[in-house]
Amino acid sequence: MTNSTMADAVGLPPAKAGGRRRWVICALLFFATTINYLDRSVLNVLAPELQKVIGWTDTQYGDINAAFTLAYALGFLVVGWFVDKVGVRIGFACALVFWSLAAAGHALAGTVFGFGVARFMLGFGEAGNFPSAVKTTAEWFPRRERALATGIFNAGSNVGAILAPLLVPVLFVTWGWQSVFVVTGLAGLVWVVFWLPLYHSPDRHPRLSPAERAYIQSEPDEPPRRMRWLQLIPHRQTWAFAATKFLTDPVWWFYLFWSGKFIADKFHVNIKQIGLPLVIIYLLADVGSIAGGWLSSWLLKRGWSPNAARKTAMLVCALCIVPVIYAPVTENLWVAVTLIGVAAAAHQGFSANLFTTTSDMFPKWAIGSVVGFGGMAGALGGMLMQMASGRIKELTGSYLTMFIIAGTIYLLALVVMHALAPRLEPADLSAAGAANG
């Protein structure tokens, strides 16, 4: 039965939704992303205290975080392919189990090397979140809703980053630093208990109404195919996504792993005081994630092309990030927090639209691999930024260089993306297209 026939059979045109099951799936993606960022954000809050316990230098702290981002890059090489091969139901569950155990395993670390190993394992497992979530969104939402759905689940990253400074001080003061990693790490196993019974593909979901299935499938069918990495490499669209991730993801990693340390170093706050500034930063980021996705979806509804809508939204976000350059210059804590929070919000809006461009340029069956490749590039950029941040901080005693990079790189990234994919035209992944590039 074709999509139009299915819609006719249930008495609805394909353009109208017939239920809310897809938003239940979106909620699951939101909670998975929340757990993902809770687990990786714990170290940002604990870093000043652990520096006293373990005795690491700024360079060593940067290298510990570089281990995470290197593993994240390597994980994308494997996980994107794995998710495309086995499907998101099994692939996502495997990723959650792996990274939850790795997060809890931090409690066994007591040296710089031990934390490096723990971060490496966590990074490898956490690489499964975004390829799985973006692929699920492409399967469960028509194109006109994908940016909004992506913005919603991506907002979980900020919720996770908000929960960390709220939970970590309480756990730390009550039971010690090891308990923080155990409690937050094992939370992911609870998510798996809900995911496996609730998630099925739209074609097989027993509780999906015919009307909503017709709405989800209201766009032309894409025949399923297996993706090979070599098919992605020749295409400019692949490099447009990957290059933009390489340039912008390192800034998010910098906020995620260094904002707590920056606030503690510059404004002399302790672990009991650091919660509110970090909560404000990530509350603002949460708003930005949804607003950025909403903006391009709103422009699409007003008749804009996907190319114009996505890039306009990304340009607005890039311009909002520029003032963060002044964060290390101000002597007022709350001015610095506001500047970083607005920049984090704009990054999330930029990122929501960037992720959505993969579904504009690639068929559904290739998205997991494309996002994996781009995520690998972003993580490699993040690794370089982490290693540089520790060394620059130790050499200069200042965070200014890192914030200058953070404030200017998005405009450059958008120029690069537009040069490589000026119209967000679909990539030709047919056998001939892959051979000819």
Protein backbone atom coordinates (compact mmCIF):
# COMPACT_ATOMS: atom_id res chain seq x y z
CA MET A 1 0.00 0.00 0.00
CA THR A 2 1.43 3.38 -0.93
CA ASN A 3 1.57 6.29 1.47
CA SER A 4 -1.22 8.14 -0.31
CA THR A 5 -3.40 5.01 -0.44
CA MET A 6 -2.80 4.42 3.25
CA ALA A 7 -3.77 7.99 4.04
CA ASP A 8 -6.91 7.65 1.94
CA ALA A 9 -7.81 4.41 3.70
CA VAL A 10 -7.87 6.09 7.07
CA GLY A 11 -9.62 9.20 5.78
CA LEU A 12 -6.74 11.63 6.37
CA PRO A 13 -4.46 13.48 3.99
CA PRO A 14 -0.79 12.63 4.56
CA ALA A 15 -0.04 16.15 5.79
CA LYS A 16 -2.09 15.74 8.99
CA ALA A 17 -0.92 13.92 12.08
CA GLY A 18 -3.05 11.08 13.39
CA GLY A 19 -1.57 10.51 16.84
CA ARG A 20 1.21 11.25 19.29
CA ARG A 21 3.18 8.01 19.41
CA ARG A 22 6.12 9.63 17.60
CA TRP A 23 6.41 12.12 20.47
CA VAL A 24 6.65 9.24 22.96
CA ILE A 25 9.63 8.04 20.93
CA CYS A 26 11.01 11.58 20.96
CA ALA A 27 10.67 11.61 24.77
CA LEU A 28 12.73 8.42 25.00
CA LEU A 29 15.42 10.06 22.88
CA PHE A 30 15.31 13.10 25.17
CA PHE A 31 15.86 10.98 28.30
CA ALA A 32 18.67 9.00 26.68
CA THR A 33 20.43 12.24 25.75
CA THR A 34 19.86 13.54 29.28
CA ILE A 35 21.59 10.48 30.74
CA ASN A 36 24.34 10.75 28.14
CA TYR A 37 25.21 14.29 29.20
CA LEU A 38 24.71 13.67 32.90
CA ASP A 39 27.37 10.96 32.77
CA ARG A 40 29.88 13.01 30.82
CA SER A 41 29.25 16.22 32.83
CA VAL A 42 30.02 14.77 36.24
CA LEU A 43 33.75 15.34 35.80
CA ASN A 44 33.23 19.03 34.95
CA VAL A 45 31.67 19.60 38.37
CA LEU A 46 34.08 17.39 40.30
CA ALA A 47 37.25 18.57 38.51
CA PRO A 48 38.34 21.20 41.07
CA GLU A 49 37.91 18.72 43.96
CA LEU A 50 39.45 15.77 42.12
CA GLN A 51 42.42 17.95 41.18
CA LYS A 52 43.14 18.19 44.92
CA VAL A 53 42.65 14.43 45.45
CA ILE A 54 44.40 13.07 42.36
CA GLY A 55 46.83 15.96 41.91
CA TRP A 56 46.59 16.38 38.14
CA THR A 57 47.86 19.45 36.29
CA ASP A 58 45.85 21.49 33.79
CA THR A 59 47.69 19.71 30.97
CA GLN A 60 46.85 16.30 32.44
CA TYR A 61 43.22 17.30 32.90
CA GLY A 62 43.10 18.35 29.26
CA ASP A 63 44.63 15.01 28.25
CA ILE A 64 42.09 13.07 30.34
CA ASN A 65 39.31 14.84 28.45
CA ALA A 66 41.17 14.28 25.18
CA ALA A 67 41.02 10.54 25.91
CA PHE A 68 37.23 10.82 26.08
CA THR A 69 36.96 12.70 22.80
CA LEU A 70 39.43 10.39 21.01
CA ALA A 71 37.35 7.39 22.07
CA TYR A 72 34.20 9.25 21.06
CA ALA A 73 35.69 9.67 17.58
CA LEU A 74 36.66 6.01 17.33
CA GLY A 75 33.25 5.01 18.67
CA PHE A 76 31.52 6.91 15.88
CA LEU A 77 33.47 4.87 13.33
CA VAL A 78 31.95 1.69 14.76
CA VAL A 79 28.61 2.77 16.21
CA GLY A 80 27.20 4.57 13.18
CA TRP A 81 27.79 1.46 11.08
CA PHE A 82 26.51 -0.82 13.86
CA VAL A 83 23.26 1.12 14.28
CA ASP A 84 22.61 1.09 10.53
CA LYS A 85 23.26 -2.66 10.48
CA VAL A 86 21.25 -3.91 13.49
CA GLY A 87 18.74 -1.06 13.83
CA VAL A 88 18.27 1.52 16.54
CA ARG A 89 16.27 -0.68 18.92
CA ILE A 90 19.16 -3.07 19.63
CA GLY A 91 21.98 -0.68 18.77
CA PHE A 92 20.81 2.05 21.12
CA ALA A 93 20.23 -0.39 23.99
CA CYS A 94 23.74 -1.82 23.61
CA ALA A 95 25.25 1.66 23.68
CA LEU A 96 23.37 2.60 26.88
CA VAL A 97 24.48 -0.54 28.71
CA PHE A 98 28.11 -0.07 27.66
CA TRP A 99 28.44 3.58 28.60
CA SER A 100 26.48 3.19 31.86
CA LEU A 101 28.91 0.55 33.10
CA ALA A 102 31.85 2.68 31.95
CA ALA A 103 30.48 5.71 33.82
CA ALA A 104 30.09 3.74 37.03
CA GLY A 105 33.60 2.35 36.50
CA HIS A 106 35.11 5.79 37.18
CA ALA A 107 34.69 4.95 40.87
CA LEU A 108 37.53 2.45 40.51
CA ALA A 109 39.98 5.05 39.18
CA GLY A 110 42.48 6.63 41.53
CA THR A 111 45.22 7.96 39.24
CA VAL A 112 45.53 10.19 36.19
CA PHE A 113 46.00 7.08 34.03
CA GLY A 114 42.97 5.39 35.62
CA PHE A 115 40.75 8.36 34.86
CA GLY A 116 42.11 8.45 31.32
CA VAL A 117 41.09 4.81 30.82
CA ALA A 118 37.66 5.37 32.37
CA ARG A 119 37.03 8.43 30.19
CA PHE A 120 38.14 6.53 27.10
CA MET A 121 35.64 3.72 27.73
CA LEU A 122 32.85 6.22 28.49
CA GLY A 123 33.55 8.16 25.31
CA PHE A 124 33.46 5.02 23.17
CA GLY A 125 30.05 3.99 24.51
CA GLU A 126 28.51 7.47 24.47
CA ALA A 127 29.26 7.79 20.76
CA GLY A 128 26.15 5.67 20.19
CA ASN A 129 23.67 8.30 21.33
CA PHE A 130 23.48 10.80 18.47
CA PRO A 131 23.72 8.41 15.49
CA SER A 132 20.89 6.41 17.08
CA ALA A 133 18.78 9.43 17.99
CA VAL A 134 19.13 11.17 14.62
CA LYS A 135 18.37 7.95 12.74
CA THR A 136 15.30 7.37 14.93
CA THR A 137 14.10 10.90 14.23
CA ALA A 138 14.48 10.37 10.48
CA GLU A 139 12.43 7.17 10.72
CA TRP A 140 9.68 8.55 12.97
CA PHE A 141 9.19 12.14 11.77
CA PRO A 142 8.44 13.68 8.37
CA ARG A 143 10.98 16.24 7.20
CA ARG A 144 8.89 19.25 8.28
CA GLU A 145 9.02 18.12 11.93
CA ARG A 146 12.56 16.77 12.17
CA ALA A 147 14.32 19.97 13.20
CA LEU A 148 11.84 20.47 16.06
CA ALA A 149 12.11 16.83 17.16
CA THR A 150 15.91 17.05 16.98
CA GLY A 151 15.85 20.24 19.03
CA ILE A 152 13.69 18.55 21.67
CA PHE A 153 15.83 15.45 22.11
CA ASN A 154 19.00 17.53 21.85
CA ALA A 155 17.69 19.63 24.75
CA GLY A 156 18.31 16.56 26.88
CA SER A 157 22.01 17.35 26.65
CA ASN A 158 21.38 20.54 28.57
CA VAL A 159 19.09 18.87 31.09
CA GLY A 160 21.82 16.33 31.78
CA ALA A 161 24.34 19.11 32.17
CA ILE A 162 21.90 20.86 34.56
CA LEU A 163 21.32 17.76 36.67
CA ALA A 164 25.05 17.22 37.15
CA PRO A 165 25.73 20.38 39.22
CA LEU A 166 22.52 19.75 41.20
CA LEU A 167 23.24 16.10 42.04
CA VAL A 168 27.02 15.95 42.20
CA PRO A 169 27.58 18.25 45.23
CA VAL A 170 24.93 16.41 47.25
CA LEU A 171 26.34 12.97 46.46
CA PHE A 172 29.90 14.19 46.93
CA VAL A 173 29.28 15.69 50.37
CA THR A 174 27.15 12.75 51.52
CA TRP A 175 29.02 9.68 50.26
CA GLY A 176 32.21 10.83 48.54
CA TRP A 177 33.28 11.21 44.93
CA GLN A 178 33.08 7.51 44.07
CA SER A 179 29.35 7.43 44.81
CA VAL A 180 28.74 10.19 42.26
CA PHE A 181 29.96 8.03 39.39
CA VAL A 182 28.16 4.89 40.57
CA VAL A 183 24.74 6.51 41.08
CA THR A 184 24.74 8.60 37.91
CA GLY A 185 26.30 5.85 35.81
CA LEU A 186 23.81 3.12 36.59
CA ALA A 187 20.83 5.38 35.79
CA GLY A 188 21.23 4.44 32.13
CA LEU A 189 20.24 0.85 32.82
CA VAL A 190 16.79 2.06 33.92
CA TRP A 191 16.30 3.69 30.49
CA VAL A 192 16.97 0.39 28.72
CA VAL A 193 14.12 -1.23 30.68
CA PHE A 194 11.69 1.25 29.07
CA TRP A 195 13.29 1.44 25.62
CA LEU A 196 13.14 -2.23 24.64
CA PRO A 197 9.39 -2.75 25.17
CA LEU A 198 8.33 0.71 23.94
CA TYR A 199 10.41 1.07 20.79
CA HIS A 200 9.63 -0.56 17.44
CA SER A 201 10.04 0.83 13.94
CA PRO A 202 6.97 2.63 12.52
CA ASP A 203 6.32 -0.28 10.16
CA ARG A 204 6.09 -2.76 13.04
CA HIS A 205 4.91 -0.73 16.02
CA PRO A 206 1.81 -2.45 17.46
CA ARG A 207 0.38 0.73 19.02
CA LEU A 208 0.90 3.12 16.12
CA SER A 209 -2.39 4.22 14.58
CA PRO A 210 -2.82 3.87 10.79
CA ALA A 211 -3.36 7.63 10.56
CA GLU A 212 -0.11 8.47 12.31
CA ARG A 213 1.77 5.85 10.30
CA ALA A 214 0.46 7.46 7.13
CA TYR A 215 1.58 10.87 8.38
CA ILE A 216 5.07 9.63 9.24
CA GLN A 217 5.36 7.94 5.85
CA SER A 218 3.79 10.78 3.89
CA GLU A 219 7.04 11.47 2.04
CA PRO A 220 8.35 9.29 -0.82
CA ASP A 221 9.54 5.86 0.24
CA GLU A 222 13.28 5.21 0.32
CA PRO A 223 14.27 1.61 -0.47
CA PRO A 224 16.43 0.19 2.35
CA ARG A 225 20.10 -0.27 1.51
CA ARG A 226 23.31 -1.00 3.35
CA MET A 227 25.78 1.84 3.63
CA ARG A 228 29.50 1.44 3.04
CA TRP A 229 31.90 4.03 4.37
CA LEU A 230 33.60 4.38 1.00
CA GLN A 231 30.29 5.54 -0.49
CA LEU A 232 30.30 8.59 1.79
CA ILE A 233 33.85 9.83 1.26
CA PRO A 234 33.54 11.23 -2.31
CA HIS A 235 30.54 13.43 -1.58
CA ARG A 236 30.76 17.13 -0.74
CA GLN A 237 27.63 16.80 1.41
CA THR A 238 29.48 14.39 3.71
CA TRP A 239 32.34 16.83 4.13
CA ALA A 240 30.00 19.79 4.59
CA PHE A 241 28.53 18.10 7.65
CA ALA A 242 31.84 16.68 8.92
CA ALA A 243 33.84 19.91 8.49
CA THR A 244 31.19 21.92 10.33
CA LYS A 245 31.20 19.40 13.18
CA PHE A 246 35.02 19.45 13.29
CA LEU A 247 35.04 23.23 13.71
CA THR A 248 32.12 23.70 16.14
CA ASP A 249 31.94 20.60 18.33
CA PRO A 250 35.24 21.41 20.10
CA VAL A 251 33.65 24.56 21.53
CA TRP A 252 30.85 22.55 23.11
CA TRP A 253 33.41 20.12 24.54
CA PHE A 254 35.26 23.13 25.96
CA TYR A 255 32.12 24.41 27.72
CA LEU A 256 31.27 20.93 28.93
CA PHE A 257 34.66 20.06 30.45
CA TRP A 258 36.13 23.46 31.32
CA SER A 259 33.29 25.80 32.30
CA GLY A 260 33.23 24.54 35.88
CA LYS A 261 36.99 24.83 36.18
CA PHE A 262 36.95 28.30 34.57
CA ILE A 263 34.36 29.55 37.05
CA ALA A 264 36.24 28.02 39.99
CA ASP A 265 39.60 29.42 38.86
CA LYS A 266 38.49 32.95 37.96
CA PHE A 267 35.78 33.59 40.53
CA HIS A 268 37.00 31.30 43.36
CA VAL A 269 33.78 29.37 43.92
CA ASN A 270 33.78 25.95 45.61
CA ILE A 271 31.81 22.80 44.81
CA LYS A 272 28.87 23.91 46.96
CA GLN A 273 28.64 27.24 45.10
CA ILE A 274 29.33 26.10 41.56
CA GLY A 275 25.92 24.52 40.98
CA LEU A 276 23.87 27.67 40.30
CA PRO A 277 26.19 29.19 37.66
CA LEU A 278 26.35 25.90 35.74
CA VAL A 279 22.59 25.39 36.03
CA ILE A 280 21.97 28.85 34.54
CA ILE A 281 24.35 28.16 31.65
CA TYR A 282 22.61 24.94 30.70
CA LEU A 283 19.09 26.24 31.28
CA LEU A 284 19.84 28.87 28.67
CA ALA A 285 21.32 26.20 26.43
CA ASP A 286 18.13 24.16 26.78
CA VAL A 287 16.05 27.06 25.47
CA GLY A 288 18.44 27.53 22.56
CA SER A 289 18.23 23.91 21.47
CA ILE A 290 14.46 24.02 21.07
CA ALA A 291 14.37 27.60 19.74
CA GLY A 292 16.93 26.86 17.04
CA GLY A 293 15.00 23.85 15.79
CA TRP A 294 11.72 25.76 16.01
CA LEU A 295 13.09 28.69 13.99
CA SER A 296 13.99 26.66 10.91
CA SER A 297 10.74 24.66 11.15
CA TRP A 298 8.80 27.95 11.33
CA LEU A 299 10.62 29.28 8.27
CA LEU A 300 9.85 26.06 6.39
CA LYS A 301 6.16 26.44 7.17
CA ARG A 302 6.31 29.94 5.73
CA GLY A 303 7.51 28.53 2.42
CA TRP A 304 11.28 28.84 2.79
CA SER A 305 13.44 26.14 1.24
CA PRO A 306 15.25 23.76 3.63
CA ASN A 307 18.54 25.31 2.52
CA ALA A 308 17.46 28.88 3.34
CA ALA A 309 15.67 27.92 6.56
CA ARG A 310 18.49 25.83 8.05
CA LYS A 311 21.29 28.25 7.15
CA THR A 312 19.40 31.34 8.26
CA ALA A 313 18.77 29.75 11.64
CA MET A 314 22.43 28.76 11.86
CA LEU A 315 23.57 32.29 10.98
CA VAL A 316 21.38 33.80 13.70
CA CYS A 317 22.91 31.35 16.19
CA ALA A 318 26.47 32.06 15.03
CA LEU A 319 26.01 35.81 15.54
CA CYS A 320 24.63 35.28 19.05
CA ILE A 321 27.82 33.41 20.01
CA VAL A 322 30.31 36.19 19.22
CA PRO A 323 29.97 38.10 22.56
CA VAL A 324 31.30 35.09 24.53
CA ILE A 325 34.77 36.43 23.71
CA TYR A 326 34.30 38.83 26.66
CA ALA A 327 33.57 36.12 29.27
CA PRO A 328 37.18 35.80 30.54
CA VAL A 329 37.62 39.59 30.55
CA THR A 330 34.73 40.56 32.80
CA GLU A 331 35.20 40.61 36.55
CA ASN A 332 31.52 39.92 37.21
CA LEU A 333 30.61 36.27 37.69
CA TRP A 334 27.04 36.63 36.43
CA VAL A 335 28.03 38.56 33.31
CA ALA A 336 30.44 35.73 32.45
CA VAL A 337 27.77 33.12 33.19
CA THR A 338 25.25 34.93 30.99
CA LEU A 339 27.71 35.25 28.09
CA ILE A 340 28.60 31.57 28.25
CA GLY A 341 24.94 30.58 28.65
CA VAL A 342 23.83 32.55 25.58
CA ALA A 343 26.71 31.09 23.57
CA ALA A 344 25.83 27.58 24.73
CA ALA A 345 22.18 28.19 23.78
CA ALA A 346 23.19 29.38 20.33
CA HIS A 347 25.50 26.40 19.89
CA GLN A 348 22.63 24.05 20.62
CA GLY A 349 20.36 25.83 18.15
CA PHE A 350 23.15 25.70 15.56
CA SER A 351 23.71 22.01 16.28
CA ALA A 352 20.01 21.07 16.04
CA ASN A 353 19.88 22.53 12.53
CA LEU A 354 23.21 21.01 11.55
CA PHE A 355 22.01 17.54 12.52
CA THR A 356 18.83 18.06 10.55
CA THR A 357 20.75 18.87 7.36
CA THR A 358 21.76 15.19 7.21
CA SER A 359 18.14 14.24 6.54
CA ASP A 360 17.94 16.99 3.90
CA MET A 361 20.98 15.67 2.04
CA PHE A 362 20.94 11.89 2.66
CA PRO A 363 18.40 9.03 2.57
CA LYS A 364 17.23 7.58 5.86
CA TRP A 365 19.25 4.39 5.50
CA ALA A 366 22.53 6.36 5.36
CA ILE A 367 21.94 8.86 8.17
CA GLY A 368 23.44 6.79 10.98
CA SER A 369 26.68 6.42 9.04
CA VAL A 370 26.76 10.10 8.04
CA VAL A 371 26.18 11.29 11.58
CA GLY A 372 28.78 8.82 12.80
CA PHE A 373 31.34 10.15 10.34
CA GLY A 374 30.58 13.76 11.24
CA GLY A 375 30.59 12.97 14.94
CA MET A 376 33.99 11.36 14.54
CA ALA A 377 35.27 14.56 12.92
CA GLY A 378 33.77 16.67 15.70
CA ALA A 379 35.30 14.48 18.39
CA LEU A 380 38.74 14.64 16.76
CA GLY A 381 38.44 18.42 16.75
CA GLY A 382 37.39 18.21 20.39
CA MET A 383 40.42 16.10 21.24
CA LEU A 384 42.72 18.74 19.74
CA MET A 385 40.88 21.52 21.60
CA GLN A 386 41.13 19.66 24.93
CA MET A 387 44.85 19.04 24.56
CA ALA A 388 45.42 22.66 23.52
CA SER A 389 43.23 24.09 26.29
CA GLY A 390 45.21 22.49 29.10
CA ARG A 391 48.54 23.54 27.63
CA ILE A 392 47.44 27.09 26.82
CA LYS A 393 45.96 27.53 30.30
CA GLU A 394 49.13 26.22 31.94
CA LEU A 395 51.37 28.37 29.71
CA THR A 396 49.44 31.66 29.86
CA GLY A 397 47.38 31.30 33.02
CA SER A 398 44.38 32.58 31.01
CA TYR A 399 41.32 31.24 29.20
CA LEU A 400 41.16 34.15 26.74
CA THR A 401 42.54 32.29 23.70
CA MET A 402 39.97 29.51 24.03
CA PHE A 403 37.09 31.98 24.30
CA ILE A 404 38.26 33.92 21.24
CA ILE A 405 38.16 30.66 19.27
CA ALA A 406 34.75 29.85 20.73
CA GLY A 407 33.30 33.20 19.69
CA THR A 408 34.47 33.29 16.08
CA ILE A 409 34.58 29.73 14.77
CA TYR A 410 30.85 29.35 14.00
CA LEU A 411 30.84 32.03 11.33
CA LEU A 412 33.81 30.34 9.66
CA ALA A 413 32.08 26.97 9.91
CA LEU A 414 28.95 28.29 8.21
CA VAL A 415 31.03 29.71 5.36
CA VAL A 416 32.74 26.34 4.92
CA MET A 417 29.43 24.48 4.97
CA HIS A 418 27.87 26.80 2.40
CA ALA A 419 30.91 26.45 0.13
CA LEU A 420 30.65 22.64 0.22
CA ALA A 421 26.84 22.35 0.10
CA PRO A 422 25.47 25.65 -1.31
CA ARG A 423 21.94 24.28 -1.78
CA LEU A 424 21.90 21.28 0.60
CA GLU A 425 21.31 19.21 -2.52
CA PRO A 426 20.71 15.47 -1.94
CA ALA A 427 23.79 13.28 -2.31
CA ASP A 428 23.68 10.69 -5.07
CA LEU A 429 24.45 7.45 -3.26
CA SER A 430 23.56 5.18 -6.15
CA ALA A 431 26.28 2.83 -7.29
CA ALA A 432 27.16 5.16 -10.16
CA GLY A 433 27.02 8.23 -7.95
CA ALA A 434 29.33 6.62 -5.39
CA ALA A 435 31.75 5.56 -8.08
CA ASN A 436 31.84 8.91 -9.77
CA GLY A 437 31.67 11.06 -6.61
